[in-house]
Amino acid sequence: MQRHYVMYYEMSYGLNIEMHKQAEIVKRLSAICAQIIPFLTQEHQQQVLQAVERAKQVTMGELNSIVGQQQLQHLSHHASPLPLAPHPSSMQPSSLSGASGTSGLLALSGALMAQAQLATKEDRVAQDGENREHTPSRSVSSSPAESLQDERTGLKRKREEKELPGHSDSDGDKSDYNLVVDEDPPSEPGSPGHSPSRRRELPQSPASLGSSGSPAQPKEQSPVAFESHPHLRAATLSSSLPTIPGGKPAYSFHVSADGQMQPVPFPPDALIGSGIPRHARQLHTLTHGEVVCAVTISNSTRHVYTGGKGCVKVWDVGQPGTKTAVAQLDCLNRDNYIRSCKLLPDGRSLIVGGEASTLSIWDLAAPTPRIKAELTSSAPACYALAISPDAKVCFSCCSDGNIVVWDLQNQTLVRQFQGHTDGASCIDISNYGTKLWTGGLDNTVRCWDLREGRQLQQHDFSSQIFSLGYCPMGEWLAVGMESSNVEILHVTKPDKYQLHLHESCVLSLKFASCGKWFVSTGKDNLLNAWRAPYGASIFQSKESSSVLSCDISVNDKFIVTGSGDKKATVYEVVY
């Protein structure tokens, strides 16, 4: 019995290591493709993008068939040191030298995959050998027992089982495990305990996200490094590389109703004109002391509210100089993170939600801020909040997938929108207050009719939804993905735009009040400002850690971000 246990243990451990390594290989190959595609000709870009989209739709049956063919090929060519994945063009490694078109790109991917598979196989053999030398009772998971448990802006743990010490891919990965935010309740969407399903790997909690956006890249020494018009970066690349007409690598694509993707030719006035920023400059750094998962700025632009672990801090940013919090609002339990905080339009009340079943309503007009009401639901956590334009109703996105509607005047639950099959992670309201848009960890965006109380639309994606924003000018909805894409959907037509500047999951998103531009932030430490709706890049800022939350002042003059290095940053938008 013990021998069988050891055998099954070794098999399980080997498969676990293999799964994590294959996931890393896929991510790295995807990154390589994303870097190469913009330098192909327009015709080849279209072909490659279609091939990539097709690859995302491969069924389990097709995958098993391909694996079977590879195994047969490996047996029949056992002497070959580098078996390539079968492809109709029967390409050999020698074709790598001409990887300028679709064929070259596929050959490159095949060769890289084959090399990675060989390396993975050797590593696994070494791991198994090492395993047999140790006692079989050793735990597979020796890293900290705390694990990210929940869902928020969609952020589940990247790994459900942690690898042994010494097997972390990088220092960045190690810090992901050491900086654990949630031990029990939810943590950047996706709690094993509260989520109905855990179908795929997910990003970590706010604290682990704050450790390092990209483990392979060192943190920036400067807190902010703006790059105005980052799409012009191609000019610094070798002129020998193929580019699309105009000499710039494409990052914005128009997707037609039939799925055809074409690079977007931006109009001449994309980055000029009234209401379009030129850049932004950092004004204040607000040292909160904990990972800042939620931020909001008052209509007067004098006060900023930052939500971290167990409290919201209030900052007076009306004067220059070093900032210290003018008030601290202790909310929820001390060890639970605030996920969202929203001011009512009059600035006299603040609603706070997070890793608890209770929302807190704070009276800010009192001599000392105090809790004047609490709203309790059956869900263990709230990931996002929205306030109706008339300030009479509050909407709460819950970890159980429900959208709870609260009457703020009577402090009562009046309705629940049910439809998301996993945590509801983000929310926004149409400019007339008649429709509600929500995104979830079930890979869907849904539209709800607030008057009739029913679902109107559902948009399905291949990635979890972490953030979204409705354009105040109407017609367009921006959606931030776990896959790193930003998609701009037309609310009545099948057309959409797809933007590819983020290098990791898109954690927050906010439209300017004018509706002409919006910002998105990500685990890649980036703050991107985009022209709506087609996504021309206006400016870009690289912070020193993952940027988990953002807000734009009602007059479009200030941007506030909350990050994983336990601070918030206030920027002035320059026109």
Foldseek 3Di string as FASTA:
>chain_A
DVVVVLVVLLVVLLVQLLVVLVVVLVLVLVVVCVVQLQLAEQVQSQVVVVVVVVVLVDDPVNVVVQVVVQVVVCVVPVVDPFDFRDDPVPDDLVLCVVLRGNVNSVSVSRRSVRVSVVVSVVVSVVVSVVCVVDDSVDDQADFDPAAAFFAALGAHDQDPGHGDPPPDPAPLSNLLRVQAQDRDFHFHHDGPVAWPDDDHGGHGGQQSLFSALDRVDAFDPDQKDKDFQCQVVQVPDDPVGHHYPPRTRAFKWKQALVGRTGGDDDDPCLQDDPPHFQTWFFFAKFQQPFFFQEKDAALVRQWIWTWFAQWIFIWGSVDGDHTDTPAIGGDDDRSWTWQYKDAQNVRQWIWTWTQAQKIFIWGNPPPHIDTPDIAGDPARGFRYKDAAPVRQWIWTFGQCRKIWIAGVVVSDTDDIQHDDSGTWHEKDAALVRQKIWTFFQSQKIWIAGPVVGYTDDIDHDSFGWSEKEAQNVAQWIWTWTQAQWIKIQGPPHRMIMIGHPGSGGWQYKYAANVRQWIWIFFSNQKIWIAGPPRGRTRMMMHGRGGWRYKDAHNVRQWIWTGRNVNIIIIMGGHD
